[in-house]
Amino acid sequence: MRNKTIMKRRALRSINALFRRADTIFEETPELADRYAQVARRISLRCRVRIPKRWKRRYCKKCHKFLKPGINARIRLRNKKIVITCLECKNIVRIPYKN
C-alpha cells in the first residue's frame, strides 16, 4: 500500500518536472519538448496517475505534441467554451467554462 502511494507521488513529481522542462525548452528545440510530453504521458499511463489539469491542456491528445499557445496552438473563447486547436494535426478540443 505504501509503495503505491510513494510510486504515484514520484510519478506526479516527474510528470510536473517533464512538462516544466518542455515549457522552457520549447523555443529552442520543439522536438525535445514533444518528447518530454510523450514521456510524461507514458509515465501517467504506466503508474495510473492523472496528469494535472494545468498540463493536460498543454499537449495534444491526438498527435501527443506539446502545445505552446500562439506558436503551434490556437486558443479561442466561443459560446461558453474554451476551444483549443492543435495547429500540427488540426485536432480541436472544447472545454466548457462558466462566467
PDB file of N, CA and C in Angstrom:
ATOM      1  N   MET A   1       0.820  -1.195   0.000  1.00  0.00           N
ATOM      2  CA  MET A   1       0.000   0.000   0.000  1.00  0.00           C
ATOM      3  C   MET A   1       0.862   1.256   0.000  1.00  0.00           C
ATOM      4  N   ARG A   2       1.831   1.296   0.883  1.00  0.00           N
ATOM      5  CA  ARG A   2       2.683   2.474   0.990  1.00  0.00           C
ATOM      6  C   ARG A   2       3.555   2.654  -0.253  1.00  0.00           C
ATOM      7  N   ASN A   3       3.995   1.533  -0.824  1.00  0.00           N
ATOM      8  CA  ASN A   3       4.821   1.618  -2.035  1.00  0.00           C
ATOM      9  C   ASN A   3       4.065   2.248  -3.191  1.00  0.00           C
ATOM     10  N   LYS A   4       2.757   1.959  -3.293  1.00  0.00           N
ATOM     11  CA  LYS A   4       1.954   2.529  -4.370  1.00  0.00           C
ATOM     12  C   LYS A   4       1.845   4.040  -4.236  1.00  0.00           C
ATOM     13  N   THR A   5       1.610   4.505  -3.022  1.00  0.00           N
ATOM     14  CA  THR A   5       1.484   5.950  -2.837  1.00  0.00           C
ATOM     15  C   THR A   5       2.810   6.648  -3.100  1.00  0.00           C
ATOM     16  N   ILE A   6       3.909   6.042  -2.695  1.00  0.00           N
ATOM     17  CA  ILE A   6       5.227   6.627  -2.970  1.00  0.00           C
ATOM     18  C   ILE A   6       5.471   6.652  -4.467  1.00  0.00           C
ATOM     19  N   MET A   7       5.129   5.565  -5.153  1.00  0.00           N
ATOM     20  CA  MET A   7       5.331   5.489  -6.597  1.00  0.00           C
ATOM     21  C   MET A   7       4.493   6.547  -7.318  1.00  0.00           C
ATOM     22  N   LYS A   8       3.246   6.718  -6.882  1.00  0.00           N
ATOM     23  CA  LYS A   8       2.374   7.707  -7.527  1.00  0.00           C
ATOM     24  C   LYS A   8       2.867   9.122  -7.268  1.00  0.00           C
ATOM     25  N   ARG A   9       3.363   9.371  -6.064  1.00  0.00           N
ATOM     26  CA  ARG A   9       3.901  10.693  -5.748  1.00  0.00           C
ATOM     27  C   ARG A   9       5.127  11.002  -6.608  1.00  0.00           C
ATOM     28  N   ARG A  10       6.002  10.016  -6.767  1.00  0.00           N
ATOM     29  CA  ARG A  10       7.191  10.191  -7.615  1.00  0.00           C
ATOM     30  C   ARG A  10       6.804  10.407  -9.070  1.00  0.00           C
ATOM     31  N   ALA A  11       5.813   9.662  -9.521  1.00  0.00           N
ATOM     32  CA  ALA A  11       5.359   9.796 -10.902  1.00  0.00           C
ATOM     33  C   ALA A  11       4.799  11.194 -11.147  1.00  0.00           C
ATOM     34  N   LEU A  12       4.005  11.684 -10.222  1.00  0.00           N
ATOM     35  CA  LEU A  12       3.422  13.019 -10.362  1.00  0.00           C
ATOM     36  C   LEU A  12       4.510  14.092 -10.358  1.00  0.00           C
ATOM     37  N   ARG A  13       5.509  13.904  -9.506  1.00  0.00           N
ATOM     38  CA  ARG A  13       6.622  14.847  -9.448  1.00  0.00           C
ATOM     39  C   ARG A  13       7.400  14.860 -10.767  1.00  0.00           C
ATOM     40  N   SER A  14       7.639  13.680 -11.333  1.00  0.00           N
ATOM     41  CA  SER A  14       8.391  13.633 -12.590  1.00  0.00           C
ATOM     42  C   SER A  14       7.567  14.152 -13.767  1.00  0.00           C
ATOM     43  N   ILE A  15       6.247  13.936 -13.735  1.00  0.00           N
ATOM     44  CA  ILE A  15       5.373  14.477 -14.787  1.00  0.00           C
ATOM     45  C   ILE A  15       5.433  15.998 -14.773  1.00  0.00           C
ATOM     46  N   ASN A  16       5.317  16.578 -13.583  1.00  0.00           N
ATOM     47  CA  ASN A  16       5.401  18.035 -13.468  1.00  0.00           C
ATOM     48  C   ASN A  16       6.751  18.560 -13.945  1.00  0.00           C
ATOM     49  N   ALA A  17       7.821  17.867 -13.574  1.00  0.00           N
ATOM     50  CA  ALA A  17       9.166  18.296 -13.976  1.00  0.00           C
ATOM     51  C   ALA A  17       9.331  18.226 -15.493  1.00  0.00           C
ATOM     52  N   LEU A  18       8.841  17.150 -16.100  1.00  0.00           N
ATOM     53  CA  LEU A  18       8.966  16.999 -17.558  1.00  0.00           C
ATOM     54  C   LEU A  18       8.194  18.085 -18.296  1.00  0.00           C
ATOM     55  N   PHE A  19       6.990  18.384 -17.853  1.00  0.00           N
ATOM     56  CA  PHE A  19       6.211  19.428 -18.522  1.00  0.00           C
ATOM     57  C   PHE A  19       6.836  20.809 -18.317  1.00  0.00           C
ATOM     58  N   ARG A  20       7.416  21.059 -17.129  1.00  0.00           N
ATOM     59  CA  ARG A  20       8.092  22.341 -16.915  1.00  0.00           C
ATOM     60  C   ARG A  20       9.298  22.478 -17.843  1.00  0.00           C
ATOM     61  N   ARG A  21      10.055  21.384 -17.989  1.00  0.00           N
ATOM     62  CA  ARG A  21      11.197  21.406 -18.911  1.00  0.00           C
ATOM     63  C   ARG A  21      10.746  21.618 -20.350  1.00  0.00           C
ATOM     64  N   ALA A  22       9.664  20.950 -20.726  1.00  0.00           N
ATOM     65  CA  ALA A  22       9.134  21.102 -22.087  1.00  0.00           C
ATOM     66  C   ALA A  22       8.722  22.547 -22.339  1.00  0.00           C
ATOM     67  N   ASP A  23       8.146  23.178 -21.335  1.00  0.00           N
ATOM     68  CA  ASP A  23       7.712  24.565 -21.483  1.00  0.00           C
ATOM     69  C   ASP A  23       8.898  25.507 -21.658  1.00  0.00           C
ATOM     70  N   THR A  24       9.963  25.279 -20.918  1.00  0.00           N
ATOM     71  CA  THR A  24      11.115  26.182 -21.009  1.00  0.00           C
ATOM     72  C   THR A  24      11.951  25.956 -22.266  1.00  0.00           C
ATOM     73  N   ILE A  25      12.004  24.726 -22.749  1.00  0.00           N
ATOM     74  CA  ILE A  25      12.894  24.405 -23.865  1.00  0.00           C
ATOM     75  C   ILE A  25      12.201  24.491 -25.224  1.00  0.00           C
ATOM     76  N   PHE A  26      10.894  24.756 -25.237  1.00  0.00           N
ATOM     77  CA  PHE A  26      10.129  24.683 -26.485  1.00  0.00           C
ATOM     78  C   PHE A  26      10.664  25.608 -27.573  1.00  0.00           C
ATOM     79  N   GLU A  27      11.045  26.843 -27.226  1.00  0.00           N
ATOM     80  CA  GLU A  27      11.514  27.782 -28.256  1.00  0.00           C
ATOM     81  C   GLU A  27      12.801  27.296 -28.926  1.00  0.00           C
ATOM     82  N   GLU A  28      13.688  26.665 -28.156  1.00  0.00           N
ATOM     83  CA  GLU A  28      14.966  26.209 -28.707  1.00  0.00           C
ATOM     84  C   GLU A  28      14.808  24.937 -29.536  1.00  0.00           C
ATOM     85  N   THR A  29      14.213  23.905 -28.926  1.00  0.00           N
ATOM     86  CA  THR A  29      14.039  22.628 -29.625  1.00  0.00           C
ATOM     87  C   THR A  29      12.642  22.073 -29.368  1.00  0.00           C
ATOM     88  N   PRO A  30      11.705  22.356 -30.269  1.00  0.00           N
ATOM     89  CA  PRO A  30      10.341  21.853 -30.078  1.00  0.00           C
ATOM     90  C   PRO A  30      10.246  20.331 -30.114  1.00  0.00           C
ATOM     91  N   GLU A  31      11.147  19.661 -30.819  1.00  0.00           N
ATOM     92  CA  GLU A  31      11.106  18.198 -30.884  1.00  0.00           C
ATOM     93  C   GLU A  31      11.373  17.593 -29.506  1.00  0.00           C
ATOM     94  N   LEU A  32      12.316  18.194 -28.773  1.00  0.00           N
ATOM     95  CA  LEU A  32      12.624  17.697 -27.436  1.00  0.00           C
ATOM     96  C   LEU A  32      11.456  17.965 -26.481  1.00  0.00           C
ATOM     97  N   ALA A  33      10.790  19.087 -26.640  1.00  0.00           N
ATOM     98  CA  ALA A  33       9.617  19.387 -25.819  1.00  0.00           C
ATOM     99  C   ALA A  33       8.505  18.375 -26.100  1.00  0.00           C
ATOM    100  N   ASP A  34       8.329  18.007 -27.372  1.00  0.00           N
ATOM    101  CA  ASP A  34       7.336  16.986 -27.714  1.00  0.00           C
ATOM    102  C   ASP A  34       7.683  15.648 -27.068  1.00  0.00           C
ATOM    103  N   ARG A  35       8.956  15.329 -27.067  1.00  0.00           N
ATOM    104  CA  ARG A  35       9.413  14.069 -26.466  1.00  0.00           C
ATOM    105  C   ARG A  35       9.166  14.067 -24.964  1.00  0.00           C
ATOM    106  N   TYR A  36       9.422  15.202 -24.303  1.00  0.00           N
ATOM    107  CA  TYR A  36       9.150  15.303 -22.872  1.00  0.00           C
ATOM    108  C   TYR A  36       7.674  15.085 -22.585  1.00  0.00           C
ATOM    109  N   ALA A  37       6.803  15.647 -23.415  1.00  0.00           N
ATOM    110  CA  ALA A  37       5.361  15.476 -23.224  1.00  0.00           C
ATOM    111  C   ALA A  37       4.960  14.009 -23.419  1.00  0.00           C
ATOM    112  N   GLN A  38       5.567  13.350 -24.386  1.00  0.00           N
ATOM    113  CA  GLN A  38       5.260  11.938 -24.624  1.00  0.00           C
ATOM    114  C   GLN A  38       5.707  11.073 -23.447  1.00  0.00           C
ATOM    115  N   VAL A  39       6.889  11.348 -22.908  1.00  0.00           N
ATOM    116  CA  VAL A  39       7.392  10.579 -21.773  1.00  0.00           C
ATOM    117  C   VAL A  39       6.515  10.807 -20.542  1.00  0.00           C
ATOM    118  N   ALA A  40       6.095  12.055 -20.325  1.00  0.00           N
ATOM    119  CA  ALA A  40       5.222  12.354 -19.186  1.00  0.00           C
ATOM    120  C   ALA A  40       3.895  11.613 -19.324  1.00  0.00           C
ATOM    121  N   ARG A  41       3.368  11.549 -20.523  1.00  0.00           N
ATOM    122  CA  ARG A  41       2.114  10.830 -20.753  1.00  0.00           C
ATOM    123  C   ARG A  41       2.292   9.335 -20.491  1.00  0.00           C
ATOM    124  N   ARG A  42       3.402   8.788 -20.934  1.00  0.00           N
ATOM    125  CA  ARG A  42       3.684   7.367 -20.690  1.00  0.00           C
ATOM    126  C   ARG A  42       3.769   7.049 -19.204  1.00  0.00           C
ATOM    127  N   ILE A  43       4.434   7.938 -18.457  1.00  0.00           N
ATOM    128  CA  ILE A  43       4.552   7.739 -17.013  1.00  0.00           C
ATOM    129  C   ILE A  43       3.166   7.751 -16.375  1.00  0.00           C
ATOM    130  N   SER A  44       2.318   8.672 -16.815  1.00  0.00           N
ATOM    131  CA  SER A  44       0.980   8.746 -16.225  1.00  0.00           C
ATOM    132  C   SER A  44       0.165   7.493 -16.541  1.00  0.00           C
ATOM    133  N   LEU A  45       0.327   6.959 -17.728  1.00  0.00           N
ATOM    134  CA  LEU A  45      -0.399   5.740 -18.085  1.00  0.00           C
ATOM    135  C   LEU A  45       0.124   4.530 -17.314  1.00  0.00           C
ATOM    136  N   ARG A  46       1.434   4.438 -17.195  1.00  0.00           N
ATOM    137  CA  ARG A  46       2.039   3.285 -16.544  1.00  0.00           C
ATOM    138  C   ARG A  46       1.739   3.259 -15.046  1.00  0.00           C
ATOM    139  N   CYS A  47       1.771   4.432 -14.414  1.00  0.00           N
ATOM    140  CA  CYS A  47       1.581   4.499 -12.963  1.00  0.00           C
ATOM    141  C   CYS A  47       0.150   4.816 -12.561  1.00  0.00           C
ATOM    142  N   ARG A  48      -0.736   4.956 -13.543  1.00  0.00           N
ATOM    143  CA  ARG A  48      -2.143   5.277 -13.299  1.00  0.00           C
ATOM    144  C   ARG A  48      -2.296   6.552 -12.470  1.00  0.00           C
ATOM    145  N   VAL A  49      -1.633   7.587 -12.944  1.00  0.00           N
ATOM    146  CA  VAL A  49      -1.691   8.896 -12.299  1.00  0.00           C
ATOM    147  C   VAL A  49      -2.257   9.874 -13.318  1.00  0.00           C
ATOM    148  N   ARG A  50      -3.185  10.712 -12.876  1.00  0.00           N
ATOM    149  CA  ARG A  50      -3.733  11.722 -13.781  1.00  0.00           C
ATOM    150  C   ARG A  50      -2.730  12.838 -13.989  1.00  0.00           C
ATOM    151  N   ILE A  51      -2.677  13.310 -15.206  1.00  0.00           N
ATOM    152  CA  ILE A  51      -1.868  14.489 -15.497  1.00  0.00           C
ATOM    153  C   ILE A  51      -2.618  15.690 -14.930  1.00  0.00           C
ATOM    154  N   PRO A  52      -1.935  16.567 -14.206  1.00  0.00           N
ATOM    155  CA  PRO A  52      -2.623  17.730 -13.640  1.00  0.00           C
ATOM    156  C   PRO A  52      -3.308  18.561 -14.720  1.00  0.00           C
ATOM    157  N   LYS A  53      -4.431  19.170 -14.353  1.00  0.00           N
ATOM    158  CA  LYS A  53      -5.237  19.939 -15.302  1.00  0.00           C
ATOM    159  C   LYS A  53      -4.418  21.033 -15.975  1.00  0.00           C
ATOM    160  N   ARG A  54      -3.494  21.600 -15.216  1.00  0.00           N
ATOM    161  CA  ARG A  54      -2.635  22.658 -15.741  1.00  0.00           C
ATOM    162  C   ARG A  54      -1.870  22.188 -16.983  1.00  0.00           C
ATOM    163  N   TRP A  55      -1.404  20.944 -16.954  1.00  0.00           N
ATOM    164  CA  TRP A  55      -0.606  20.425 -18.070  1.00  0.00           C
ATOM    165  C   TRP A  55      -1.430  19.628 -19.068  1.00  0.00           C
ATOM    166  N   LYS A  56      -2.570  19.132 -18.642  1.00  0.00           N
ATOM    167  CA  LYS A  56      -3.395  18.301 -19.528  1.00  0.00           C
ATOM    168  C   LYS A  56      -3.807  19.052 -20.787  1.00  0.00           C
ATOM    169  N   ARG A  57      -4.004  20.355 -20.631  1.00  0.00           N
ATOM    170  CA  ARG A  57      -4.419  21.178 -21.773  1.00  0.00           C
ATOM    171  C   ARG A  57      -3.248  21.650 -22.600  1.00  0.00           C
ATOM    172  N   ARG A  58      -2.040  21.280 -22.225  1.00  0.00           N
ATOM    173  CA  ARG A  58      -0.847  21.763 -22.915  1.00  0.00           C
ATOM    174  C   ARG A  58      -0.241  20.727 -23.861  1.00  0.00           C
ATOM    175  N   TYR A  59      -0.899  19.582 -24.033  1.00  0.00           N
ATOM    176  CA  TYR A  59      -0.431  18.651 -25.053  1.00  0.00           C
ATOM    177  C   TYR A  59      -1.618  18.113 -25.830  1.00  0.00           C
ATOM    178  N   CYS A  60      -1.364  17.801 -27.101  1.00  0.00           N
ATOM    179  CA  CYS A  60      -2.426  17.317 -27.976  1.00  0.00           C
ATOM    180  C   CYS A  60      -2.677  15.834 -27.692  1.00  0.00           C
ATOM    181  N   LYS A  61      -3.934  15.485 -27.515  1.00  0.00           N
ATOM    182  CA  LYS A  61      -4.270  14.106 -27.213  1.00  0.00           C
ATOM    183  C   LYS A  61      -4.291  13.223 -28.460  1.00  0.00           C
ATOM    184  N   LYS A  62      -4.192  13.846 -29.629  1.00  0.00           N
ATOM    185  CA  LYS A  62      -4.193  13.077 -30.873  1.00  0.00           C
ATOM    186  C   LYS A  62      -2.771  12.800 -31.363  1.00  0.00           C
ATOM    187  N   CYS A  63      -1.966  13.857 -31.505  1.00  0.00           N
ATOM    188  CA  CYS A  63      -0.609  13.669 -32.034  1.00  0.00           C
ATOM    189  C   CYS A  63       0.450  13.697 -30.928  1.00  0.00           C
ATOM    190  N   HIS A  64       0.049  13.922 -29.670  1.00  0.00           N
ATOM    191  CA  HIS A  64       0.916  13.901 -28.491  1.00  0.00           C
ATOM    192  C   HIS A  64       2.058  14.907 -28.559  1.00  0.00           C
ATOM    193  N   LYS A  65       1.791  16.060 -29.154  1.00  0.00           N
ATOM    194  CA  LYS A  65       2.790  17.123 -29.202  1.00  0.00           C
ATOM    195  C   LYS A  65       2.529  18.110 -28.073  1.00  0.00           C
ATOM    196  N   PHE A  66       3.592  18.753 -27.616  1.00  0.00           N
ATOM    197  CA  PHE A  66       3.466  19.788 -26.602  1.00  0.00           C
ATOM    198  C   PHE A  66       2.928  21.042 -27.270  1.00  0.00           C
ATOM    199  N   LEU A  67       1.902  21.642 -26.677  1.00  0.00           N
ATOM    200  CA  LEU A  67       1.261  22.802 -27.279  1.00  0.00           C
ATOM    201  C   LEU A  67       1.720  24.093 -26.595  1.00  0.00           C
ATOM    202  N   LYS A  68       2.129  25.044 -27.405  1.00  0.00           N
ATOM    203  CA  LYS A  68       2.503  26.364 -26.920  1.00  0.00           C
ATOM    204  C   LYS A  68       1.544  27.354 -27.565  1.00  0.00           C
ATOM    205  N   PRO A  69       0.671  27.987 -26.771  1.00  0.00           N
ATOM    206  CA  PRO A  69      -0.310  28.913 -27.344  1.00  0.00           C
ATOM    207  C   PRO A  69       0.358  30.020 -28.159  1.00  0.00           C
ATOM    208  N   GLY A  70      -0.171  30.235 -29.357  1.00  0.00           N
ATOM    209  CA  GLY A  70       0.363  31.261 -30.236  1.00  0.00           C
ATOM    210  C   GLY A  70       1.400  30.748 -31.199  1.00  0.00           C
ATOM    211  N   ILE A  71       2.000  29.600 -30.910  1.00  0.00           N
ATOM    212  CA  ILE A  71       3.029  29.054 -31.799  1.00  0.00           C
ATOM    213  C   ILE A  71       2.484  27.846 -32.555  1.00  0.00           C
ATOM    214  N   ASN A  72       2.084  26.810 -31.827  1.00  0.00           N
ATOM    215  CA  ASN A  72       1.512  25.650 -32.514  1.00  0.00           C
ATOM    216  C   ASN A  72       0.127  25.290 -31.962  1.00  0.00           C
ATOM    217  N   ALA A  73      -0.476  26.233 -31.232  1.00  0.00           N
ATOM    218  CA  ALA A  73      -1.834  26.024 -30.721  1.00  0.00           C
ATOM    219  C   ALA A  73      -2.595  27.347 -30.772  1.00  0.00           C
ATOM    220  N   ARG A  74      -3.871  27.232 -31.067  1.00  0.00           N
ATOM    221  CA  ARG A  74      -4.732  28.412 -31.092  1.00  0.00           C
ATOM    222  C   ARG A  74      -5.785  28.223 -30.013  1.00  0.00           C
ATOM    223  N   ILE A  75      -5.987  29.255 -29.198  1.00  0.00           N
ATOM    224  CA  ILE A  75      -6.963  29.188 -28.121  1.00  0.00           C
ATOM    225  C   ILE A  75      -7.988  30.290 -28.335  1.00  0.00           C
ATOM    226  N   ARG A  76      -9.256  29.910 -28.361  1.00  0.00           N
ATOM    227  CA  ARG A  76     -10.344  30.856 -28.559  1.00  0.00           C
ATOM    228  C   ARG A  76     -11.414  30.611 -27.502  1.00  0.00           C
ATOM    229  N   LEU A  77     -12.172  31.651 -27.197  1.00  0.00           N
ATOM    230  CA  LEU A  77     -13.317  31.539 -26.303  1.00  0.00           C
ATOM    231  C   LEU A  77     -14.564  31.706 -27.147  1.00  0.00           C
ATOM    232  N   ARG A  78     -15.373  30.650 -27.224  1.00  0.00           N
ATOM    233  CA  ARG A  78     -16.580  30.658 -28.046  1.00  0.00           C
ATOM    234  C   ARG A  78     -17.721  29.982 -27.311  1.00  0.00           C
ATOM    235  N   ASN A  79     -18.865  30.658 -27.234  1.00  0.00           N
ATOM    236  CA  ASN A  79     -20.103  30.078 -26.700  1.00  0.00           C
ATOM    237  C   ASN A  79     -19.888  29.327 -25.380  1.00  0.00           C
ATOM    238  N   LYS A  80     -19.273  29.987 -24.425  1.00  0.00           N
ATOM    239  CA  LYS A  80     -19.001  29.421 -23.100  1.00  0.00           C
ATOM    240  C   LYS A  80     -18.127  28.176 -23.171  1.00  0.00           C
ATOM    241  N   LYS A  81     -17.241  28.142 -24.150  1.00  0.00           N
ATOM    242  CA  LYS A  81     -16.294  27.036 -24.291  1.00  0.00           C
ATOM    243  C   LYS A  81     -14.914  27.584 -24.612  1.00  0.00           C
ATOM    244  N   ILE A  82     -13.886  26.908 -24.094  1.00  0.00           N
ATOM    245  CA  ILE A  82     -12.517  27.193 -24.495  1.00  0.00           C
ATOM    246  C   ILE A  82     -12.231  26.247 -25.647  1.00  0.00           C
ATOM    247  N   VAL A  83     -11.861  26.775 -26.795  1.00  0.00           N
ATOM    248  CA  VAL A  83     -11.587  25.954 -27.970  1.00  0.00           C
ATOM    249  C   VAL A  83     -10.081  25.975 -28.214  1.00  0.00           C
ATOM    250  N   ILE A  84      -9.442  24.808 -28.047  1.00  0.00           N
ATOM    251  CA  ILE A  84      -8.002  24.683 -28.258  1.00  0.00           C
ATOM    252  C   ILE A  84      -7.791  23.889 -29.543  1.00  0.00           C
ATOM    253  N   THR A  85      -7.102  24.504 -30.495  1.00  0.00           N
ATOM    254  CA  THR A  85      -6.842  23.856 -31.772  1.00  0.00           C
ATOM    255  C   THR A  85      -5.350  23.590 -31.908  1.00  0.00           C
ATOM    256  N   CYS A  86      -4.992  22.338 -32.142  1.00  0.00           N
ATOM    257  CA  CYS A  86      -3.604  21.980 -32.404  1.00  0.00           C
ATOM    258  C   CYS A  86      -3.329  22.306 -33.870  1.00  0.00           C
ATOM    259  N   LEU A  87      -2.346  23.145 -34.112  1.00  0.00           N
ATOM    260  CA  LEU A  87      -2.037  23.535 -35.489  1.00  0.00           C
ATOM    261  C   LEU A  87      -1.155  22.515 -36.195  1.00  0.00           C
ATOM    262  N   GLU A  88      -0.713  21.476 -35.489  1.00  0.00           N
ATOM    263  CA  GLU A  88       0.085  20.403 -36.098  1.00  0.00           C
ATOM    264  C   GLU A  88      -0.826  19.388 -36.794  1.00  0.00           C
ATOM    265  N   CYS A  89      -1.883  18.950 -36.073  1.00  0.00           N
ATOM    266  CA  CYS A  89      -2.757  17.909 -36.627  1.00  0.00           C
ATOM    267  C   CYS A  89      -4.198  18.376 -36.808  1.00  0.00           C
ATOM    268  N   LYS A  90      -4.483  19.654 -36.476  1.00  0.00           N
ATOM    269  CA  LYS A  90      -5.811  20.264 -36.609  1.00  0.00           C
ATOM    270  C   LYS A  90      -6.855  19.645 -35.677  1.00  0.00           C
ATOM    271  N   ASN A  91      -6.416  19.003 -34.601  1.00  0.00           N
ATOM    272  CA  ASN A  91      -7.348  18.452 -33.619  1.00  0.00           C
ATOM    273  C   ASN A  91      -7.945  19.603 -32.802  1.00  0.00           C
ATOM    274  N   ILE A  92      -9.244  19.502 -32.496  1.00  0.00           N
ATOM    275  CA  ILE A  92      -9.943  20.538 -31.752  1.00  0.00           C
ATOM    276  C   ILE A  92     -10.444  19.959 -30.439  1.00  0.00           C
ATOM    277  N   VAL A  93     -10.181  20.671 -29.339  1.00  0.00           N
ATOM    278  CA  VAL A  93     -10.652  20.274 -28.012  1.00  0.00           C
ATOM    279  C   VAL A  93     -11.514  21.411 -27.487  1.00  0.00           C
ATOM    280  N   ARG A  94     -12.725  21.080 -27.023  1.00  0.00           N
ATOM    281  CA  ARG A  94     -13.617  22.080 -26.465  1.00  0.00           C
ATOM    282  C   ARG A  94     -13.822  21.789 -24.980  1.00  0.00           C
ATOM    283  N   ILE A  95     -13.550  22.815 -24.163  1.00  0.00           N
ATOM    284  CA  ILE A  95     -13.671  22.677 -22.712  1.00  0.00           C
ATOM    285  C   ILE A  95     -14.688  23.694 -22.226  1.00  0.00           C
ATOM    286  N   PRO A  96     -15.785  23.250 -21.586  1.00  0.00           N
ATOM    287  CA  PRO A  96     -16.783  24.221 -21.111  1.00  0.00           C
ATOM    288  C   PRO A  96     -16.264  25.012 -19.915  1.00  0.00           C
ATOM    289  N   TYR A  97     -16.757  26.238 -19.776  1.00  0.00           N
ATOM    290  CA  TYR A  97     -16.414  27.041 -18.605  1.00  0.00           C
ATOM    291  C   TYR A  97     -17.607  27.902 -18.237  1.00  0.00           C
ATOM    292  N   LYS A  98     -17.608  28.375 -16.996  1.00  0.00           N
ATOM    293  CA  LYS A  98     -18.690  29.235 -16.511  1.00  0.00           C
ATOM    294  C   LYS A  98     -18.142  30.643 -16.351  1.00  0.00           C
ATOM    295  N   ASN A  99     -19.004  31.631 -16.502  1.00  0.00           N
ATOM    296  CA  ASN A  99     -18.586  33.027 -16.346  1.00  0.00           C
ATOM    297  C   ASN A  99     -18.275  33.340 -14.896  1.00  0.00           C
TER     298      ASN A  99
END
